Each structure stands twice: as structure tokens, then as C-alpha cells.
């Protein structure tokens, strides 16, 4: 009876609550295109794919329930005008402005239409510590190959048990 009263008291006071998931800023992916077609014709299809995989990552991480994915709209313009991989921590500053605990930046390196590499970097906003890096090579430059590669990284690297994500 005593245990039942203690449990009821906890429920009434609201002391039984799950911790909120960490706040996560997922920045838009960046492209390094050193391919010959990119040199001659530009990277227009790849720019659309960058937007798609950035949104795919945000959605799947939010749907996992392990993160509160933040809207980056207030800092998107500043982020797009910076090279987040080499800006001396401006990504951490922008994520901090959003109130994020964690932040993800990403990069796609296109060597050719057959050799493309997708990289995801997760960092702690307060300390700047790199928590995990996930990387995968893809063969073929299609919407499907980009989407499947991102799905693989999310499923088998970023959200896999004991891989490094909180």
C-alpha cells in the first residue's frame, strides 16, 4: 500500500518524466565537385540532391525520436555563405544561436560520375568535440544512389546501437 501511495504521489507531482532528446541542428550539405563534367557543365543536379539528402537526414533523425531536430532557417543564409568544413568553428557558433546541443555538417565530394563520397560530421556544440564521423562511397550519380547512401549511413552508422550517437 505504501509503494502505491508513493507511486501516486510521483504521478501527481509530475516527477516521472522522460528527459528531452538533445537539440540537433542539421546544416545543409556542401559539395566539393572536382569532376570534369562539373568543371564544364556545373553542378546543378548535385545541388538539388544536396538539398534532398539534407532533408532526408533531418526527417529520419527526427522520426527516430532520439533528437529534437531544430529548424535552421534563422541561420541558413549565413551557413550557405560559409564553408562550414573550414570556417574555424562558425558552424558551432551558428548552431549555438539556434540553441542546439549537437550539430551535423556534411559534405559530398564528387570526383567523377562514378566516384562520389558522402561524409557526415556530428559535433558537440558546447565543447566542439567531434562525436562521430560517418562516411560512405557511392558508385553512380543518380537520385537513387544518393538517397540509398544516406539511408545506409543513417541506419548503419548514425543510429546503429553503440556507434557514437547519443
N, C-alpha and C. Protein backbone atom coordinates (compact mmCIF):
# COMPACT_ATOMS: atom_id res chain seq x y z
N UNK A 1 0.83 -1.19 0.00
CA UNK A 1 0.00 0.00 0.00
C UNK A 1 0.88 1.26 0.00
N UNK A 2 1.94 1.22 0.79
CA UNK A 2 2.83 2.37 0.88
C UNK A 2 3.48 2.67 -0.48
N UNK A 3 3.92 1.62 -1.19
CA UNK A 3 4.53 1.79 -2.51
C UNK A 3 3.52 2.40 -3.48
N UNK A 4 2.27 1.99 -3.40
CA UNK A 4 1.23 2.52 -4.27
C UNK A 4 1.02 4.01 -4.01
N UNK A 5 1.05 4.43 -2.77
CA UNK A 5 0.90 5.84 -2.42
C UNK A 5 2.08 6.66 -2.93
N UNK A 6 3.28 6.13 -2.80
CA UNK A 6 4.47 6.84 -3.31
C UNK A 6 4.38 6.99 -4.83
N UNK A 7 3.98 5.93 -5.52
CA UNK A 7 3.83 5.99 -6.98
C UNK A 7 2.79 7.03 -7.37
N UNK A 8 1.66 7.05 -6.67
CA UNK A 8 0.61 8.02 -6.96
C UNK A 8 1.11 9.45 -6.71
N UNK A 9 1.88 9.64 -5.66
CA UNK A 9 2.42 10.97 -5.37
C UNK A 9 3.37 11.42 -6.49
N UNK A 10 4.18 10.52 -6.98
CA UNK A 10 5.08 10.86 -8.08
C UNK A 10 4.29 11.26 -9.33
N UNK A 11 3.25 10.53 -9.62
CA UNK A 11 2.44 10.85 -10.80
C UNK A 11 1.78 12.22 -10.65
N UNK A 12 1.29 12.52 -9.47
CA UNK A 12 0.61 13.79 -9.25
C UNK A 12 1.56 14.98 -9.29
N UNK A 13 2.79 14.78 -8.86
CA UNK A 13 3.74 15.90 -8.85
C UNK A 13 4.45 16.06 -10.19
N UNK A 14 4.27 15.11 -11.09
CA UNK A 14 4.90 15.22 -12.40
C UNK A 14 6.38 14.89 -12.37
N UNK A 15 6.84 14.23 -11.32
CA UNK A 15 8.26 13.91 -11.20
C UNK A 15 8.70 12.81 -12.15
N UNK A 16 7.75 12.03 -12.64
CA UNK A 16 8.10 10.96 -13.57
C UNK A 16 8.01 11.56 -14.97
N UNK A 17 9.16 11.90 -15.51
CA UNK A 17 9.20 12.49 -16.85
C UNK A 17 10.45 12.01 -17.56
N UNK A 18 10.32 11.79 -18.83
CA UNK A 18 11.47 11.39 -19.62
C UNK A 18 12.27 12.62 -19.99
N UNK A 19 13.57 12.46 -20.06
CA UNK A 19 14.44 13.58 -20.46
C UNK A 19 14.16 13.93 -21.91
N UNK A 20 14.21 15.22 -22.18
CA UNK A 20 14.03 15.66 -23.56
C UNK A 20 15.21 15.21 -24.40
N UNK A 21 14.96 14.83 -25.65
CA UNK A 21 16.09 14.45 -26.51
C UNK A 21 16.96 15.67 -26.80
N UNK A 22 18.23 15.45 -27.12
CA UNK A 22 19.12 16.60 -27.40
C UNK A 22 18.64 17.38 -28.62
N UNK A 23 18.87 18.68 -28.57
CA UNK A 23 18.52 19.56 -29.68
C UNK A 23 19.64 19.47 -30.73
N UNK A 24 19.24 19.21 -31.97
CA UNK A 24 20.20 18.96 -33.04
C UNK A 24 19.97 19.90 -34.22
N UNK A 25 21.03 20.58 -34.63
CA UNK A 25 21.00 21.40 -35.85
C UNK A 25 21.66 20.59 -36.95
N UNK A 26 20.93 20.36 -38.03
CA UNK A 26 21.48 19.65 -39.19
C UNK A 26 21.60 20.65 -40.32
N UNK A 27 22.83 21.03 -40.63
CA UNK A 27 23.07 22.01 -41.68
C UNK A 27 23.00 21.36 -43.06
N UNK A 28 22.73 22.19 -44.06
CA UNK A 28 22.67 21.70 -45.43
C UNK A 28 24.05 21.18 -45.85
N UNK A 29 24.05 20.10 -46.61
CA UNK A 29 25.29 19.51 -47.08
C UNK A 29 25.97 20.42 -48.09
N UNK A 30 27.29 20.33 -48.11
CA UNK A 30 28.11 21.10 -49.04
C UNK A 30 28.71 20.17 -50.08
N UNK A 31 29.08 20.74 -51.22
CA UNK A 31 29.61 19.96 -52.34
C UNK A 31 31.01 20.42 -52.71
N UNK A 32 31.89 19.45 -52.88
CA UNK A 32 33.19 19.69 -53.50
C UNK A 32 33.16 18.90 -54.80
N UNK A 33 33.06 19.59 -55.91
CA UNK A 33 32.95 18.95 -57.22
C UNK A 33 34.22 19.18 -58.01
N UNK A 34 35.07 18.16 -58.06
CA UNK A 34 36.31 18.25 -58.83
C UNK A 34 36.22 17.42 -60.12
N UNK A 35 35.00 17.07 -60.49
CA UNK A 35 34.81 16.24 -61.68
C UNK A 35 34.92 17.07 -62.96
N UNK A 36 35.23 16.41 -64.04
CA UNK A 36 35.31 17.07 -65.34
C UNK A 36 33.94 17.59 -65.78
N UNK A 37 32.85 16.79 -65.66
CA UNK A 37 31.53 17.34 -66.02
C UNK A 37 31.15 18.55 -65.17
N UNK A 38 31.50 18.53 -63.90
CA UNK A 38 31.23 19.68 -63.04
C UNK A 38 31.97 20.92 -63.50
N UNK A 39 33.20 20.73 -63.96
CA UNK A 39 34.01 21.83 -64.46
C UNK A 39 33.39 22.45 -65.71
N UNK A 40 32.89 21.61 -66.61
CA UNK A 40 32.34 22.10 -67.88
C UNK A 40 30.87 22.53 -67.80
N UNK A 41 30.06 21.75 -67.08
CA UNK A 41 28.61 21.97 -67.12
C UNK A 41 28.01 22.48 -65.81
N UNK A 42 28.82 22.51 -64.77
CA UNK A 42 28.28 22.94 -63.48
C UNK A 42 27.72 21.77 -62.70
N UNK A 43 27.24 22.06 -61.50
CA UNK A 43 26.80 21.01 -60.58
C UNK A 43 25.32 21.11 -60.23
N UNK A 44 24.50 21.55 -61.18
CA UNK A 44 23.09 21.78 -60.87
C UNK A 44 22.36 20.53 -60.34
N UNK A 45 22.48 19.35 -60.97
CA UNK A 45 21.76 18.19 -60.41
C UNK A 45 22.24 17.85 -59.01
N UNK A 46 23.53 18.00 -58.76
CA UNK A 46 24.07 17.69 -57.45
C UNK A 46 23.56 18.66 -56.38
N UNK A 47 23.36 19.91 -56.73
CA UNK A 47 22.85 20.89 -55.76
C UNK A 47 21.44 20.53 -55.31
N UNK A 48 20.63 20.03 -56.23
CA UNK A 48 19.29 19.58 -55.87
C UNK A 48 19.38 18.35 -54.97
N UNK A 49 20.29 17.45 -55.29
CA UNK A 49 20.47 16.24 -54.47
C UNK A 49 20.98 16.58 -53.08
N UNK A 50 21.83 17.60 -52.96
CA UNK A 50 22.30 18.03 -51.64
C UNK A 50 21.13 18.45 -50.76
N UNK A 51 20.21 19.23 -51.32
CA UNK A 51 19.02 19.64 -50.57
C UNK A 51 18.20 18.43 -50.16
N UNK A 52 18.07 17.48 -51.08
CA UNK A 52 17.26 16.28 -50.80
C UNK A 52 17.86 15.45 -49.66
N UNK A 53 19.16 15.18 -49.70
CA UNK A 53 19.74 14.34 -48.65
C UNK A 53 19.81 15.09 -47.32
N UNK A 54 19.93 16.40 -47.35
CA UNK A 54 19.90 17.18 -46.10
C UNK A 54 18.54 17.03 -45.43
N UNK A 55 17.48 17.16 -46.22
CA UNK A 55 16.12 16.99 -45.67
C UNK A 55 15.87 15.55 -45.24
N UNK A 56 16.37 14.60 -46.02
CA UNK A 56 16.23 13.18 -45.67
C UNK A 56 16.86 12.92 -44.30
N UNK A 57 18.06 13.43 -44.07
CA UNK A 57 18.74 13.24 -42.80
C UNK A 57 17.95 13.87 -41.66
N UNK A 58 17.49 15.10 -41.85
CA UNK A 58 16.69 15.77 -40.80
C UNK A 58 15.45 14.95 -40.45
N UNK A 59 14.73 14.52 -41.47
CA UNK A 59 13.48 13.79 -41.24
C UNK A 59 13.72 12.46 -40.52
N UNK A 60 14.69 11.69 -40.99
CA UNK A 60 14.91 10.37 -40.40
C UNK A 60 15.44 10.47 -38.97
N UNK A 61 16.27 11.46 -38.68
CA UNK A 61 16.74 11.63 -37.31
C UNK A 61 15.62 12.11 -36.40
N UNK A 62 14.78 13.01 -36.89
CA UNK A 62 13.62 13.46 -36.10
C UNK A 62 12.65 12.31 -35.87
N UNK A 63 12.40 11.52 -36.91
CA UNK A 63 11.47 10.38 -36.79
C UNK A 63 11.99 9.31 -35.83
N UNK A 64 13.30 9.26 -35.62
CA UNK A 64 13.87 8.26 -34.71
C UNK A 64 13.47 8.54 -33.26
N UNK A 65 13.09 9.79 -32.96
CA UNK A 65 12.74 10.15 -31.59
C UNK A 65 13.95 10.37 -30.69
N UNK A 66 15.15 10.21 -31.23
CA UNK A 66 16.36 10.36 -30.43
C UNK A 66 16.87 11.79 -30.40
N UNK A 67 16.28 12.65 -31.24
CA UNK A 67 16.72 14.04 -31.34
C UNK A 67 15.54 14.96 -31.53
N UNK A 68 15.71 16.18 -31.08
CA UNK A 68 14.78 17.26 -31.41
C UNK A 68 15.50 18.05 -32.50
N UNK A 69 15.13 17.81 -33.76
CA UNK A 69 15.81 18.46 -34.87
C UNK A 69 15.28 19.89 -35.01
N UNK A 70 16.19 20.83 -34.96
CA UNK A 70 15.83 22.25 -34.98
C UNK A 70 15.71 22.77 -36.41
N UNK A 71 14.91 23.79 -36.57
CA UNK A 71 14.77 24.49 -37.85
C UNK A 71 15.98 25.41 -38.00
N UNK A 72 16.74 25.23 -39.10
CA UNK A 72 17.93 26.06 -39.29
C UNK A 72 17.65 27.32 -40.09
N UNK A 73 16.39 27.58 -40.42
CA UNK A 73 16.04 28.75 -41.25
C UNK A 73 16.64 30.06 -40.76
N UNK A 74 16.68 30.33 -39.44
CA UNK A 74 17.23 31.62 -39.00
C UNK A 74 18.71 31.82 -39.34
N UNK A 75 19.46 30.73 -39.54
CA UNK A 75 20.89 30.86 -39.83
C UNK A 75 21.27 30.25 -41.19
N UNK A 76 20.29 29.78 -41.94
CA UNK A 76 20.57 29.10 -43.21
C UNK A 76 21.38 29.96 -44.17
N UNK A 77 21.02 31.23 -44.32
CA UNK A 77 21.73 32.10 -45.26
C UNK A 77 23.19 32.26 -44.85
N UNK A 78 23.43 32.50 -43.57
CA UNK A 78 24.81 32.64 -43.09
C UNK A 78 25.59 31.34 -43.30
N UNK A 79 24.94 30.21 -43.06
CA UNK A 79 25.61 28.91 -43.24
C UNK A 79 25.94 28.65 -44.71
N UNK A 80 25.06 29.04 -45.59
CA UNK A 80 25.30 28.81 -47.02
C UNK A 80 26.40 29.69 -47.58
N UNK A 81 26.69 30.80 -46.91
CA UNK A 81 27.74 31.70 -47.37
C UNK A 81 29.08 31.43 -46.68
N UNK A 82 29.13 30.35 -45.91
CA UNK A 82 30.37 29.96 -45.23
C UNK A 82 30.72 28.54 -45.67
N UNK A 83 31.99 28.24 -45.68
CA UNK A 83 32.41 26.86 -45.89
C UNK A 83 32.44 26.23 -44.50
N UNK A 84 31.40 25.51 -44.13
CA UNK A 84 31.27 25.01 -42.77
C UNK A 84 32.36 24.02 -42.39
N UNK A 85 33.02 23.43 -43.38
CA UNK A 85 34.09 22.47 -43.08
C UNK A 85 35.41 23.17 -42.77
N UNK A 86 35.52 24.45 -43.09
CA UNK A 86 36.80 25.14 -42.92
C UNK A 86 36.63 26.60 -42.49
N UNK A 87 35.64 26.86 -41.65
CA UNK A 87 35.37 28.25 -41.25
C UNK A 87 35.83 28.56 -39.84
N UNK A 88 36.60 27.67 -39.24
CA UNK A 88 37.12 27.93 -37.91
C UNK A 88 36.08 27.88 -36.80
N UNK A 89 35.08 27.05 -36.96
CA UNK A 89 34.07 26.89 -35.92
C UNK A 89 32.82 27.73 -36.09
N UNK A 90 32.65 28.35 -37.25
CA UNK A 90 31.43 29.15 -37.45
C UNK A 90 30.18 28.27 -37.39
N UNK A 91 30.31 26.99 -37.74
CA UNK A 91 29.18 26.07 -37.64
C UNK A 91 28.72 25.92 -36.19
N UNK A 92 29.67 25.86 -35.27
CA UNK A 92 29.33 25.76 -33.85
C UNK A 92 28.64 27.03 -33.36
N UNK A 93 29.12 28.16 -33.82
CA UNK A 93 28.52 29.44 -33.45
C UNK A 93 27.07 29.53 -33.95
N UNK A 94 26.86 29.13 -35.22
CA UNK A 94 25.51 29.17 -35.79
C UNK A 94 24.58 28.19 -35.07
N UNK A 95 25.08 27.00 -34.77
CA UNK A 95 24.27 26.02 -34.04
C UNK A 95 23.94 26.53 -32.64
N UNK A 96 24.91 27.21 -32.01
CA UNK A 96 24.67 27.80 -30.69
C UNK A 96 23.59 28.86 -30.72
N UNK A 97 23.54 29.65 -31.81
CA UNK A 97 22.50 30.66 -31.95
C UNK A 97 21.10 30.02 -32.00
N UNK A 98 21.04 28.78 -32.47
CA UNK A 98 19.76 28.07 -32.54
C UNK A 98 19.41 27.38 -31.22
N UNK A 99 20.35 27.35 -30.29
CA UNK A 99 20.13 26.66 -29.02
C UNK A 99 20.39 25.17 -29.11
N UNK A 100 21.19 24.74 -30.07
CA UNK A 100 21.46 23.32 -30.28
C UNK A 100 22.46 22.77 -29.27
N UNK A 101 22.27 21.51 -28.92
CA UNK A 101 23.24 20.77 -28.11
C UNK A 101 24.27 20.10 -29.02
N UNK A 102 23.79 19.63 -30.16
CA UNK A 102 24.61 18.92 -31.14
C UNK A 102 24.41 19.54 -32.50
N UNK A 103 25.38 19.34 -33.40
CA UNK A 103 25.20 19.82 -34.76
C UNK A 103 25.83 18.85 -35.74
N UNK A 104 25.22 18.80 -36.93
CA UNK A 104 25.72 17.96 -38.01
C UNK A 104 26.01 18.84 -39.21
N UNK A 105 27.21 18.65 -39.74
CA UNK A 105 27.54 19.21 -41.05
C UNK A 105 27.84 18.03 -41.96
N UNK A 106 27.77 18.26 -43.25
CA UNK A 106 28.03 17.18 -44.18
C UNK A 106 28.62 17.69 -45.47
N UNK A 107 29.29 16.79 -46.14
CA UNK A 107 29.96 17.16 -47.37
C UNK A 107 29.88 15.99 -48.35
N UNK A 108 29.67 16.33 -49.61
CA UNK A 108 29.74 15.34 -50.68
C UNK A 108 30.90 15.75 -51.57
N UNK A 109 31.79 14.81 -51.80
CA UNK A 109 32.91 15.06 -52.71
C UNK A 109 32.69 14.24 -53.97
N UNK A 110 32.58 14.96 -55.09
CA UNK A 110 32.37 14.31 -56.38
C UNK A 110 33.66 14.36 -57.18
N UNK A 111 34.25 13.19 -57.39
CA UNK A 111 35.46 13.08 -58.19
C UNK A 111 35.08 12.87 -59.66
N UNK A 112 34.04 12.07 -59.87
CA UNK A 112 33.51 11.81 -61.20
C UNK A 112 32.08 11.32 -61.02
N UNK A 113 31.41 11.00 -62.13
CA UNK A 113 30.05 10.46 -62.02
C UNK A 113 30.04 9.06 -61.42
N UNK A 114 31.19 8.42 -61.35
CA UNK A 114 31.28 7.08 -60.78
C UNK A 114 31.90 7.04 -59.39
N UNK A 115 32.55 8.11 -58.97
CA UNK A 115 33.22 8.12 -57.67
C UNK A 115 32.74 9.34 -56.88
N UNK A 116 31.91 9.07 -55.89
CA UNK A 116 31.33 10.12 -55.06
C UNK A 116 31.39 9.66 -53.60
N UNK A 117 31.74 10.56 -52.70
CA UNK A 117 31.87 10.24 -51.29
C UNK A 117 30.96 11.15 -50.47
N UNK A 118 30.22 10.56 -49.54
CA UNK A 118 29.31 11.31 -48.67
C UNK A 118 29.84 11.23 -47.23
N UNK A 119 30.01 12.37 -46.59
CA UNK A 119 30.56 12.45 -45.23
C UNK A 119 29.61 13.21 -44.31
N UNK A 120 29.42 12.68 -43.09
CA UNK A 120 28.58 13.30 -42.08
C UNK A 120 29.41 13.47 -40.82
N UNK A 121 29.39 14.70 -40.24
CA UNK A 121 30.17 15.01 -39.05
C UNK A 121 29.22 15.48 -37.94
N UNK A 122 29.29 14.82 -36.78
CA UNK A 122 28.47 15.19 -35.62
C UNK A 122 29.38 15.74 -34.53
N UNK A 123 29.06 16.96 -34.06
CA UNK A 123 29.86 17.59 -33.03
C UNK A 123 29.01 18.09 -31.87
N UNK A 124 29.62 18.13 -30.70
CA UNK A 124 29.02 18.72 -29.52
C UNK A 124 29.19 20.23 -29.64
N UNK A 125 28.09 20.96 -29.55
CA UNK A 125 28.14 22.42 -29.77
C UNK A 125 28.91 23.13 -28.66
N UNK A 126 28.74 22.72 -27.43
CA UNK A 126 29.38 23.43 -26.31
C UNK A 126 30.89 23.24 -26.29
N UNK A 127 31.36 22.03 -26.56
CA UNK A 127 32.79 21.74 -26.46
C UNK A 127 33.50 21.74 -27.81
N UNK A 128 32.76 21.59 -28.89
CA UNK A 128 33.35 21.49 -30.22
C UNK A 128 33.92 20.10 -30.51
N UNK A 129 33.75 19.18 -29.59
CA UNK A 129 34.28 17.83 -29.75
C UNK A 129 33.55 17.08 -30.85
N UNK A 130 34.33 16.43 -31.70
CA UNK A 130 33.76 15.58 -32.74
C UNK A 130 33.26 14.30 -32.06
N UNK A 131 31.98 14.02 -32.18
CA UNK A 131 31.41 12.84 -31.56
C UNK A 131 31.53 11.63 -32.48
N UNK A 132 31.20 11.84 -33.75
CA UNK A 132 31.33 10.74 -34.70
C UNK A 132 31.42 11.28 -36.12
N UNK A 133 32.01 10.48 -36.97
CA UNK A 133 32.09 10.76 -38.40
C UNK A 133 31.57 9.52 -39.11
N UNK A 134 30.73 9.72 -40.10
CA UNK A 134 30.23 8.61 -40.91
C UNK A 134 30.53 8.95 -42.37
N UNK A 135 31.03 7.97 -43.10
CA UNK A 135 31.42 8.21 -44.48
C UNK A 135 31.10 6.99 -45.32
N UNK A 136 30.68 7.22 -46.54
CA UNK A 136 30.41 6.12 -47.47
C UNK A 136 30.69 6.58 -48.89
N UNK A 137 31.22 5.68 -49.67
CA UNK A 137 31.42 5.92 -51.10
C UNK A 137 30.22 5.39 -51.85
N UNK A 138 29.88 6.07 -52.92
CA UNK A 138 28.81 5.56 -53.78
C UNK A 138 29.33 5.50 -55.21
N UNK A 139 28.77 4.60 -55.95
CA UNK A 139 29.13 4.45 -57.36
C UNK A 139 27.90 4.78 -58.18
N UNK A 140 28.00 5.81 -58.98
CA UNK A 140 26.86 6.25 -59.77
C UNK A 140 26.30 7.54 -59.22
N UNK A 141 25.94 8.42 -60.12
CA UNK A 141 25.47 9.75 -59.74
C UNK A 141 24.00 9.89 -60.10
N UNK A 142 23.15 9.24 -59.30
CA UNK A 142 21.71 9.30 -59.52
C UNK A 142 21.01 9.68 -58.22
N UNK A 143 19.77 10.12 -58.33
CA UNK A 143 18.99 10.41 -57.13
C UNK A 143 18.94 9.18 -56.23
N UNK A 144 18.72 8.02 -56.82
CA UNK A 144 18.61 6.78 -56.05
C UNK A 144 19.91 6.45 -55.31
N UNK A 145 21.06 6.61 -55.96
CA UNK A 145 22.32 6.28 -55.29
C UNK A 145 22.57 7.22 -54.11
N UNK A 146 22.25 8.49 -54.25
CA UNK A 146 22.44 9.44 -53.17
C UNK A 146 21.50 9.11 -51.99
N UNK A 147 20.23 8.85 -52.29
CA UNK A 147 19.26 8.53 -51.25
C UNK A 147 19.62 7.24 -50.53
N UNK A 148 20.01 6.23 -51.27
CA UNK A 148 20.38 4.95 -50.65
C UNK A 148 21.63 5.08 -49.80
N UNK A 149 22.58 5.85 -50.25
CA UNK A 149 23.80 6.04 -49.48
C UNK A 149 23.49 6.75 -48.16
N UNK A 150 22.65 7.78 -48.21
CA UNK A 150 22.27 8.47 -46.98
C UNK A 150 21.50 7.53 -46.07
N UNK A 151 20.58 6.75 -46.61
CA UNK A 151 19.84 5.78 -45.79
C UNK A 151 20.78 4.80 -45.11
N UNK A 152 21.78 4.33 -45.84
CA UNK A 152 22.76 3.40 -45.27
C UNK A 152 23.47 4.06 -44.08
N UNK A 153 23.96 5.28 -44.27
CA UNK A 153 24.68 5.96 -43.19
C UNK A 153 23.80 6.18 -41.97
N UNK A 154 22.57 6.57 -42.19
CA UNK A 154 21.66 6.80 -41.07
C UNK A 154 21.41 5.50 -40.32
N UNK A 155 21.04 4.48 -41.05
CA UNK A 155 20.64 3.20 -40.45
C UNK A 155 21.82 2.45 -39.83
N UNK A 156 22.93 2.36 -40.54
CA UNK A 156 24.04 1.50 -40.13
C UNK A 156 25.18 2.21 -39.43
N UNK A 157 25.16 3.52 -39.44
CA UNK A 157 26.25 4.26 -38.79
C UNK A 157 25.72 5.23 -37.75
N UNK A 158 24.85 6.14 -38.13
CA UNK A 158 24.44 7.20 -37.22
C UNK A 158 23.48 6.72 -36.13
N UNK A 159 22.53 5.86 -36.47
CA UNK A 159 21.56 5.40 -35.48
C UNK A 159 21.82 3.97 -35.01
N UNK A 160 22.88 3.35 -35.47
CA UNK A 160 23.20 1.99 -35.05
C UNK A 160 23.56 2.00 -33.56
N UNK A 161 23.14 0.98 -32.83
CA UNK A 161 23.47 0.93 -31.39
C UNK A 161 24.98 0.98 -31.18
N UNK A 162 25.39 1.73 -30.17
CA UNK A 162 26.78 1.82 -29.76
C UNK A 162 27.71 2.38 -30.82
N UNK A 163 27.20 3.10 -31.81
CA UNK A 163 28.09 3.65 -32.81
C UNK A 163 28.65 5.00 -32.41
N UNK A 164 27.95 5.72 -31.61
CA UNK A 164 28.51 7.01 -31.21
C UNK A 164 27.48 8.09 -31.02
N UNK A 165 26.32 7.96 -31.65
CA UNK A 165 25.28 8.97 -31.45
C UNK A 165 24.62 8.72 -30.11
N UNK A 166 24.23 9.78 -29.42
CA UNK A 166 23.58 9.61 -28.11
C UNK A 166 22.24 8.91 -28.23
